[in-house]
Amino acid sequence: METLSPSQRVVVTGLGVVTAIGHDVPQFWSSLVAGRGGVDRIKAFDPSEMACQIGAEVRDWDAAAHMDPKEARRNDRYTHFGFVAARQAVKDAGIEMTREDPDRVGVVIGSGIGGMFTFESQLKVMAERGPRKVSPFTIPSLIGNMCSGMVAIDLGARGPNFGVVSACATGTHALGEAMHMIRRGDADVMIAGGAEASITPFAYASFCSMKAMSTRNDDPATACRPFSLGRDGFVMGEGAGVLVLESLAHAQARGARIYCELAGYAATCDAHHITMPDPEGKGLSMAMTRALKSAGMAPDEIDYVNAHGTSTPYNDKFETLAIKRVFGAHASRLAISSTKSMTGHLLGAAGGIESVICAKTLEQQTLAPTINLHEPDPECDLDYVPNTARPARVRGVLSNNLGFGGQNASVVFRAL
């Protein structure tokens, strides 16, 4: 990789999250290192007719307490989460728009599905009350780019702005593309990540019909068990993870606190199947290899991998194979964990919150665990940081996310 100038190197200066295990970063991180999961029986609707009746819901949440109540009413739950996480990240970064060139501040916050609450509620209105009663805010509320638009309006940020849609790889793609915008000189600051709110009847019915979700309804707390022999599907989560990215030169000029460098990114496709990952992990292997090349790092410079780790029979086995393919003998020395065991699978927001975890891992030198890992799968035979967080010397971190359609994304973070 060519040597990058300080104006091309990209650093992380702000973090924001809304999840089932914490409505802000301190609460979220505390839950992670304590191994506290957020999965329980669904309360947002009656799930009794669903095969899967559990999820990691954001509870005790009032969007109107965090944003203009009128805008809260007009926007979907996924936008609420992303908007609030973005505000947290901007505050954490100490960004003051009066001191920034608004034309050089951009936003890329993606969503895998978008406004599912709006879609379902307004279809019900149309069915019960007729088409003339459908809200005029329906389309703006449900489209997947609206969170980026709302954040930009709130900040007055006129730089690059759009949404990314690539299923469960969305958040990681958003961060990687935002990184490229800074490297190209299109922006000095990018606010990037993912938001999702798909714990709804129609979404559950649809995923359940695919037999993709766990049916351990009698024991929600241990249902999400990545890399375990008895894993039987993913558990849905909801929320958002957003990061503030800046050029190193811009961050240093304003005296910003820097968490770490976003050093590398790559995106690939399996070109294999609409939902099942490539059994040989070729596409994911290529994404990790190219992300390392983008960062100018060797495999043995990575100390921790935040795995996609969905707790599905296929993903965890194939991701393990891909990690072995890329890291070779070093794979046995890597620490790997799936934090989805605690947060649930946030679909398009997964890459956002898991990148927040990567930044905190480098800051705190602590590895979040994979909980519920009591019966390891012999085919998943690496160090998945089982059940308990632990301190570690961490200098390089890689995070993976995979989406339906065969889309893979990997990002690399390193300490400065």
Protein backbone atom coordinates (compact mmCIF):
# COMPACT_ATOMS: atom_id res chain seq x y z
CA MET A 1 0.00 0.00 0.00
CA GLU A 2 1.25 3.48 -0.81
CA THR A 3 2.11 5.71 2.12
CA LEU A 4 -0.83 7.93 3.02
CA SER A 5 -0.48 11.54 4.05
CA PRO A 6 -2.11 12.78 7.29
CA SER A 7 -4.92 14.26 5.18
CA GLN A 8 -5.61 10.78 3.74
CA ARG A 9 -5.30 8.70 6.91
CA VAL A 10 -8.67 8.24 8.62
CA VAL A 11 -9.20 8.17 12.37
CA VAL A 12 -12.14 7.54 14.71
CA THR A 13 -12.94 10.42 17.06
CA GLY A 14 -16.56 9.83 18.14
CA LEU A 15 -18.80 6.90 19.05
CA GLY A 16 -22.54 6.50 19.52
CA VAL A 17 -24.84 3.52 20.08
CA VAL A 18 -28.40 2.59 20.92
CA THR A 19 -28.85 -1.13 21.66
CA ALA A 20 -30.75 -3.57 23.82
CA ILE A 21 -27.85 -3.63 26.29
CA GLY A 22 -27.22 0.10 26.48
CA HIS A 23 -28.64 3.34 25.13
CA ASP A 24 -25.21 4.99 25.08
CA VAL A 25 -21.59 3.88 24.77
CA PRO A 26 -20.65 3.72 28.49
CA GLN A 27 -23.69 1.59 29.36
CA PHE A 28 -23.20 -0.54 26.24
CA TRP A 29 -19.52 -1.23 26.93
CA SER A 30 -20.19 -2.01 30.58
CA SER A 31 -22.78 -4.60 29.57
CA LEU A 32 -20.44 -6.16 27.01
CA VAL A 33 -17.51 -6.67 29.36
CA ALA A 34 -19.90 -8.01 32.03
CA GLY A 35 -21.23 -10.55 29.52
CA ARG A 36 -24.80 -9.26 29.89
CA GLY A 37 -27.11 -10.22 27.04
CA GLY A 38 -30.22 -8.38 25.89
CA VAL A 39 -32.30 -11.23 24.49
CA ASP A 40 -35.76 -11.86 25.94
CA ARG A 41 -39.30 -12.68 24.84
CA ILE A 42 -40.64 -10.08 22.41
CA LYS A 43 -42.87 -7.42 23.98
CA ALA A 44 -43.36 -5.08 20.99
CA PHE A 45 -46.07 -7.40 19.63
CA ASP A 46 -47.62 -10.75 20.51
CA PRO A 47 -45.20 -13.30 19.04
CA SER A 48 -47.11 -16.40 20.12
CA GLU A 49 -47.86 -17.49 16.52
CA MET A 50 -44.23 -17.06 15.43
CA ALA A 51 -41.69 -19.87 15.35
CA CYS A 52 -39.22 -17.40 16.91
CA GLN A 53 -40.65 -15.42 19.81
CA ILE A 54 -37.50 -13.79 21.16
CA GLY A 55 -35.27 -10.82 20.33
CA ALA A 56 -32.94 -8.15 21.68
CA GLU A 57 -35.32 -5.18 21.90
CA VAL A 58 -34.43 -1.62 22.83
CA ARG A 59 -36.68 -1.10 25.84
CA ASP A 60 -37.52 1.88 28.05
CA TRP A 61 -37.02 4.03 24.96
CA ASP A 62 -38.79 7.29 24.14
CA ALA A 63 -37.48 8.88 20.96
CA ALA A 64 -39.19 12.17 21.83
CA ALA A 65 -36.88 12.47 24.84
CA HIS A 66 -33.89 12.58 22.51
CA MET A 67 -35.15 14.56 19.50
CA ASP A 68 -37.87 17.00 18.49
CA PRO A 69 -41.16 15.22 19.34
CA LYS A 70 -42.67 16.34 16.04
CA GLU A 71 -39.78 14.83 14.08
CA ALA A 72 -40.01 11.70 16.21
CA ARG A 73 -43.64 11.26 15.15
CA ARG A 74 -42.77 11.79 11.48
CA ASN A 75 -39.87 9.35 11.35
CA ASP A 76 -39.44 5.62 11.68
CA ARG A 77 -37.95 3.83 14.67
CA TYR A 78 -34.78 2.97 12.71
CA THR A 79 -34.21 6.68 12.07
CA HIS A 80 -34.76 7.44 15.76
CA PHE A 81 -31.97 5.03 16.67
CA GLY A 82 -29.53 6.27 14.03
CA PHE A 83 -30.26 9.94 14.68
CA VAL A 84 -29.65 9.60 18.42
CA ALA A 85 -26.51 7.49 17.96
CA ALA A 86 -25.18 10.10 15.51
CA ARG A 87 -25.83 12.92 17.99
CA GLN A 88 -23.96 10.94 20.64
CA ALA A 89 -21.02 10.37 18.31
CA VAL A 90 -20.80 14.03 17.27
CA LYS A 91 -20.89 15.13 20.90
CA ASP A 92 -18.27 12.54 21.83
CA ALA A 93 -16.02 13.79 19.04
CA GLY A 94 -16.39 17.40 20.15
CA ILE A 95 -17.45 18.47 16.66
CA GLU A 96 -18.82 22.02 16.61
CA MET A 97 -20.37 22.82 13.27
CA THR A 98 -19.80 26.55 13.73
CA ARG A 99 -16.09 25.76 13.45
CA GLU A 100 -16.41 23.37 10.51
CA ASP A 101 -16.86 23.90 6.79
CA PRO A 102 -20.34 22.32 6.40
CA ASP A 103 -19.58 21.46 2.77
CA ARG A 104 -16.86 19.09 4.01
CA VAL A 105 -18.90 17.21 6.61
CA GLY A 106 -20.83 14.22 5.29
CA VAL A 107 -23.13 11.46 6.52
CA VAL A 108 -23.48 7.83 5.42
CA ILE A 109 -25.75 5.85 7.73
CA GLY A 110 -27.24 2.74 6.15
CA SER A 111 -30.10 0.39 6.96
CA GLY A 112 -30.56 -3.14 5.72
CA ILE A 113 -34.36 -2.95 5.61
CA GLY A 114 -35.33 0.64 6.47
CA GLY A 115 -38.64 1.74 7.92
CA MET A 116 -40.35 -1.57 8.59
CA PHE A 117 -42.50 -0.14 11.39
CA THR A 118 -43.80 2.53 9.03
CA PHE A 119 -44.38 0.04 6.21
CA GLU A 120 -46.44 -2.31 8.38
CA SER A 121 -48.41 0.34 10.23
CA GLN A 122 -49.39 2.24 7.09
CA LEU A 123 -50.38 -0.92 5.22
CA LYS A 124 -52.72 -1.59 8.14
CA VAL A 125 -54.12 1.94 7.88
CA MET A 126 -54.79 1.46 4.18
CA ALA A 127 -56.43 -1.93 4.73
CA GLU A 128 -58.64 -0.72 7.56
CA ARG A 129 -59.36 2.91 6.65
CA GLY A 130 -58.61 3.23 2.94
CA PRO A 131 -55.82 4.75 0.83
CA ARG A 132 -56.72 8.38 1.56
CA LYS A 133 -55.83 7.87 5.23
CA VAL A 134 -52.24 6.80 4.57
CA SER A 135 -49.80 9.30 6.08
CA PRO A 136 -48.04 11.72 3.71
CA PHE A 137 -44.89 10.98 5.72
CA THR A 138 -44.97 7.28 4.82
CA ILE A 139 -42.44 7.30 1.98
CA PRO A 140 -39.96 9.72 3.62
CA SER A 141 -40.19 7.69 6.80
CA LEU A 142 -39.66 4.23 5.35
CA ILE A 143 -36.87 4.87 2.82
CA GLY A 144 -33.42 3.71 3.90
CA ASN A 145 -31.54 6.95 3.26
CA MET A 146 -33.69 9.14 5.51
CA CYS A 147 -31.55 8.70 8.61
CA SER A 148 -28.56 10.18 6.78
CA GLY A 149 -30.75 13.05 5.61
CA MET A 150 -32.13 13.76 9.08
CA VAL A 151 -28.67 13.81 10.65
CA ALA A 152 -27.42 16.20 7.97
CA ILE A 153 -30.41 18.51 8.48
CA ASP A 154 -29.79 18.49 12.23
CA LEU A 155 -26.12 19.42 11.78
CA GLY A 156 -26.31 21.51 8.62
CA ALA A 157 -23.82 19.10 7.03
CA ARG A 158 -23.79 19.59 3.23
CA GLY A 159 -21.05 17.13 2.31
CA PRO A 160 -21.49 13.63 0.78
CA ASN A 161 -24.73 12.08 1.98
CA PHE A 162 -26.57 8.87 1.15
CA GLY A 163 -27.70 5.55 2.58
CA VAL A 164 -26.16 2.13 2.00
CA VAL A 165 -28.22 -1.05 1.60
CA SER A 166 -26.39 -4.37 1.64
CA ALA A 167 -28.36 -6.42 4.18
CA CYS A 168 -26.22 -7.34 7.18
CA ALA A 169 -23.03 -5.89 5.65
CA THR A 170 -24.60 -2.41 5.44
CA GLY A 171 -22.96 -0.74 8.45
CA THR A 172 -19.48 -1.92 7.51
CA HIS A 173 -19.94 -0.85 3.89
CA ALA A 174 -21.08 2.58 5.12
CA LEU A 175 -17.94 3.02 7.22
CA GLY A 176 -15.65 1.79 4.46
CA GLU A 177 -17.15 4.04 1.81
CA ALA A 178 -16.99 6.99 4.22
CA MET A 179 -13.31 6.20 4.76
CA HIS A 180 -12.73 6.32 1.00
CA MET A 181 -14.45 9.71 0.76
CA ILE A 182 -12.00 11.17 3.25
CA ARG A 183 -9.04 9.49 1.53
CA ARG A 184 -10.17 10.94 -1.83
CA GLY A 185 -10.42 14.41 -0.33
CA ASP A 186 -14.23 14.65 -0.67
CA ALA A 187 -14.69 15.40 3.04
CA ASP A 188 -12.81 16.17 6.23
CA VAL A 189 -15.40 14.59 8.54
CA MET A 190 -17.82 11.72 7.90
CA ILE A 191 -20.52 10.46 10.26
CA ALA A 192 -21.07 6.82 9.37
CA GLY A 193 -22.63 3.58 10.54
CA GLY A 194 -25.91 1.67 10.49
CA ALA A 195 -29.39 1.68 12.01
CA GLU A 196 -32.11 -0.97 12.08
CA ALA A 197 -35.53 -1.59 13.65
CA SER A 198 -36.99 -4.80 12.28
CA ILE A 199 -38.49 -6.43 15.35
CA THR A 200 -41.93 -6.32 13.75
CA PRO A 201 -44.57 -8.97 12.95
CA PHE A 202 -43.99 -8.98 9.18
CA ALA A 203 -40.20 -9.11 9.48
CA TYR A 204 -40.42 -11.96 11.99
CA ALA A 205 -42.91 -13.88 9.90
CA SER A 206 -40.64 -13.50 6.88
CA PHE A 207 -37.43 -14.58 8.61
CA CYS A 208 -39.22 -17.42 10.39
CA SER A 209 -40.50 -18.73 7.05
CA MET A 210 -36.84 -19.02 6.00
CA LYS A 211 -36.08 -20.98 9.19
CA ALA A 212 -33.21 -18.56 9.78
CA MET A 213 -33.98 -17.66 13.41
CA SER A 214 -33.47 -19.48 16.68
CA THR A 215 -36.51 -21.24 18.12
CA ARG A 216 -35.16 -21.60 21.65
CA ASN A 217 -38.12 -19.66 22.98
CA ASP A 218 -38.00 -21.44 26.34
CA ASP A 219 -34.53 -20.04 27.12
CA PRO A 220 -34.07 -16.63 25.46
CA ALA A 221 -30.93 -15.68 27.39
CA THR A 222 -28.90 -18.55 25.91
CA ALA A 223 -30.58 -18.79 22.50
CA CYS A 224 -27.87 -16.85 20.66
CA ARG A 225 -24.83 -19.09 20.98
CA PRO A 226 -22.31 -18.45 18.19
CA PHE A 227 -19.76 -21.18 17.47
CA SER A 228 -21.60 -23.59 19.80
CA LEU A 229 -22.53 -27.10 18.75
CA GLY A 230 -26.22 -26.54 19.47
CA ARG A 231 -26.70 -23.22 17.65
CA ASP A 232 -29.94 -23.13 15.67
CA GLY A 233 -30.23 -19.67 14.10
CA PHE A 234 -29.78 -15.97 14.69
CA VAL A 235 -31.66 -13.79 17.18
CA MET A 236 -32.87 -10.40 15.97
CA GLY A 237 -31.64 -7.23 17.61
CA GLU A 238 -32.33 -3.56 16.93
CA GLY A 239 -30.58 -0.23 17.39
CA ALA A 240 -27.76 1.75 15.80
CA GLY A 241 -24.02 2.25 15.86
CA VAL A 242 -22.47 5.42 14.45
CA LEU A 243 -18.87 6.65 14.35
CA VAL A 244 -17.29 10.01 13.55
CA LEU A 245 -14.43 9.62 11.09
CA GLU A 246 -11.95 12.37 10.27
CA SER A 247 -8.73 12.79 8.41
CA LEU A 248 -5.81 12.52 10.80
CA ALA A 249 -4.73 16.03 9.81
CA HIS A 250 -8.16 17.49 10.59
CA ALA A 251 -8.40 15.70 13.94
CA GLN A 252 -4.92 16.81 14.98
CA ALA A 253 -5.54 20.40 13.88
CA ARG A 254 -8.53 20.70 16.19
CA GLY A 255 -6.90 18.78 19.05
CA ALA A 256 -9.39 15.92 18.97
CA ARG A 257 -9.19 12.81 21.15
CA ILE A 258 -8.50 9.90 18.78
CA TYR A 259 -9.71 6.37 19.53
CA CYS A 260 -7.87 4.61 16.72
CA GLU A 261 -7.24 4.61 12.98
CA LEU A 262 -9.66 3.10 10.48
CA ALA A 263 -6.83 1.72 8.43
CA GLY A 264 -8.36 -0.64 5.89
CA TYR A 265 -11.55 -1.77 4.17
CA ALA A 266 -12.63 -4.14 1.45
CA ALA A 267 -15.88 -5.35 -0.08
CA THR A 268 -16.44 -8.55 -2.09
CA CYS A 269 -19.21 -10.90 -3.18
CA ASP A 270 -19.49 -14.68 -2.95
CA ALA A 271 -21.49 -14.87 -6.21
CA HIS A 272 -22.74 -18.18 -4.82
CA HIS A 273 -26.27 -18.07 -3.34
CA ILE A 274 -28.85 -15.48 -2.29
CA THR A 275 -28.72 -16.40 1.41
CA MET A 276 -26.13 -19.11 2.10
CA PRO A 277 -22.47 -18.09 2.40
CA ASP A 278 -19.86 -19.74 0.21
CA PRO A 279 -18.94 -23.05 1.94
CA GLU A 280 -15.26 -22.43 1.22
CA GLY A 281 -15.39 -18.85 2.49
CA LYS A 282 -13.63 -17.57 -0.63
CA GLY A 283 -15.44 -14.23 -0.82
CA LEU A 284 -14.98 -13.46 2.88
CA SER A 285 -11.35 -14.57 2.72
CA MET A 286 -10.76 -12.16 -0.13
CA ALA A 287 -12.46 -9.33 1.79
CA MET A 288 -10.21 -9.88 4.82
CA THR A 289 -7.08 -10.19 2.67
CA ARG A 290 -7.88 -7.02 0.72
CA ALA A 291 -8.77 -5.11 3.91
CA LEU A 292 -5.38 -6.03 5.37
CA LYS A 293 -3.69 -4.93 2.15
CA SER A 294 -5.64 -1.67 2.26
CA ALA A 295 -4.33 -1.13 5.80
CA GLY A 296 -0.77 -2.07 4.86
CA MET A 297 -0.80 -4.72 7.58
CA ALA A 298 0.27 -8.35 7.71
CA PRO A 299 -2.10 -11.00 9.11
CA ASP A 300 0.07 -11.46 12.21
CA GLU A 301 -0.43 -7.77 13.10
CA ILE A 302 -4.09 -8.47 13.91
CA ASP A 303 -4.75 -9.44 17.53
CA TYR A 304 -8.56 -9.58 17.60
CA VAL A 305 -11.35 -10.34 15.14
CA ASN A 306 -14.92 -9.24 15.82
CA ALA A 307 -16.61 -12.02 13.88
CA HIS A 308 -19.89 -11.85 12.00
CA GLY A 309 -20.74 -14.87 14.18
CA THR A 310 -24.50 -15.06 13.68
CA SER A 311 -25.16 -18.32 15.57
CA THR A 312 -26.42 -19.96 12.37
CA PRO A 313 -25.11 -23.43 11.50
CA TYR A 314 -23.55 -22.31 8.21
CA ASN A 315 -22.08 -18.89 8.98
CA ASP A 316 -20.03 -19.76 12.03
CA LYS A 317 -18.43 -22.81 10.42
CA PHE A 318 -17.66 -21.07 7.12
CA GLU A 319 -16.36 -17.91 8.82
CA THR A 320 -14.00 -20.05 10.90
CA LEU A 321 -12.69 -21.64 7.70
CA ALA A 322 -12.21 -18.22 6.10
CA ILE A 323 -10.27 -16.93 9.12
CA LYS A 324 -7.99 -19.98 8.96
CA ARG A 325 -7.49 -19.46 5.24
CA VAL A 326 -6.41 -15.83 5.70
CA PHE A 327 -4.44 -16.03 8.94
CA GLY A 328 -2.85 -19.47 8.60
CA ALA A 329 -0.93 -20.51 11.72
CA HIS A 330 -1.66 -17.13 13.31
CA ALA A 331 -5.38 -18.03 13.44
CA SER A 332 -4.77 -20.16 16.52
CA ARG A 333 -3.24 -17.14 18.28
CA LEU A 334 -6.05 -14.76 17.40
CA ALA A 335 -8.74 -13.75 19.85
CA ILE A 336 -12.15 -13.86 18.14
CA SER A 337 -15.58 -13.09 19.54
CA SER A 338 -19.15 -12.71 18.41
CA THR A 339 -20.74 -9.91 20.38
CA LYS A 340 -24.04 -10.78 18.70
CA SER A 341 -24.34 -13.31 21.51
CA MET A 342 -25.24 -10.28 23.66
CA THR A 343 -26.68 -7.69 21.26
CA GLY A 344 -28.55 -9.99 18.93
CA HIS A 345 -28.11 -9.56 15.19
CA LEU A 346 -28.84 -5.95 14.23
CA LEU A 347 -28.80 -6.68 10.48
CA GLY A 348 -27.79 -3.42 8.76
CA ALA A 349 -26.70 -1.86 12.06
CA ALA A 350 -24.40 -4.77 13.00
CA GLY A 351 -21.30 -3.31 11.35
CA GLY A 352 -21.87 0.03 13.07
CA ILE A 353 -22.13 -1.27 16.61
CA GLU A 354 -19.37 -3.83 16.07
CA SER A 355 -17.03 -1.11 14.80
CA VAL A 356 -17.79 0.83 17.99
CA ILE A 357 -16.75 -2.32 19.86
CA CYS A 358 -13.51 -2.47 17.86
CA ALA A 359 -12.68 1.13 18.77
CA LYS A 360 -13.44 0.50 22.45
CA THR A 361 -11.38 -2.70 22.39
CA LEU A 362 -8.34 -0.73 21.26
CA GLU A 363 -9.01 2.02 23.79
CA GLN A 364 -9.68 -0.25 26.77
CA GLN A 365 -7.35 -3.16 25.85
CA THR A 366 -10.16 -5.52 26.82
CA LEU A 367 -11.78 -8.27 24.76
CA ALA A 368 -15.56 -8.65 24.86
CA PRO A 369 -16.61 -12.31 25.12
CA THR A 370 -18.76 -14.71 23.16
CA ILE A 371 -21.32 -15.67 25.78
CA ASN A 372 -23.30 -18.94 25.84
CA LEU A 373 -20.30 -20.83 24.49
CA HIS A 374 -20.44 -23.91 26.72
CA GLU A 375 -20.49 -26.70 24.13
CA PRO A 376 -17.98 -25.78 21.41
CA ASP A 377 -18.53 -27.08 17.89
CA PRO A 378 -15.51 -29.22 16.90
CA GLU A 379 -15.57 -27.50 13.49
CA CYS A 380 -15.25 -24.11 15.24
CA ASP A 381 -11.99 -24.69 17.04
CA LEU A 382 -10.39 -21.26 17.48
CA ASP A 383 -10.23 -18.95 20.52
CA TYR A 384 -13.65 -17.27 20.67
CA VAL A 385 -13.08 -15.61 24.09
CA PRO A 386 -15.69 -17.86 25.70
CA ASN A 387 -18.11 -16.42 28.23
CA THR A 388 -15.81 -14.00 30.07
CA ALA A 389 -14.12 -10.76 28.97
CA ARG A 390 -10.38 -10.59 29.38
CA PRO A 391 -7.59 -8.03 29.21
CA ALA A 392 -5.23 -8.27 26.26
CA ARG A 393 -2.60 -6.32 24.37
CA VAL A 394 -4.43 -5.29 21.21
CA ARG A 395 -2.85 -3.27 18.42
CA GLY A 396 -4.79 -4.41 15.35
CA VAL A 397 -8.45 -5.38 15.02
CA LEU A 398 -10.48 -6.72 12.09
CA SER A 399 -14.28 -6.85 11.85
CA ASN A 400 -16.39 -8.88 9.40
CA ASN A 401 -19.98 -8.56 8.25
CA LEU A 402 -21.79 -10.61 5.62
CA GLY A 403 -25.14 -9.97 3.97
CA PHE A 404 -27.79 -11.81 1.98
CA GLY A 405 -26.85 -11.55 -1.67
CA GLY A 406 -23.38 -12.86 -0.88
CA GLN A 407 -22.00 -9.44 0.08
CA ASN A 408 -18.96 -9.34 2.37
CA ALA A 409 -17.27 -6.41 4.07
CA SER A 410 -14.22 -6.25 6.32
CA VAL A 411 -12.66 -3.29 8.12
CA VAL A 412 -9.34 -3.00 9.93
CA PHE A 413 -8.66 -0.71 12.88
CA ARG A 414 -5.31 -0.10 14.52
CA ALA A 415 -3.95 1.76 17.50
CA LEU A 416 -2.06 4.99 16.90
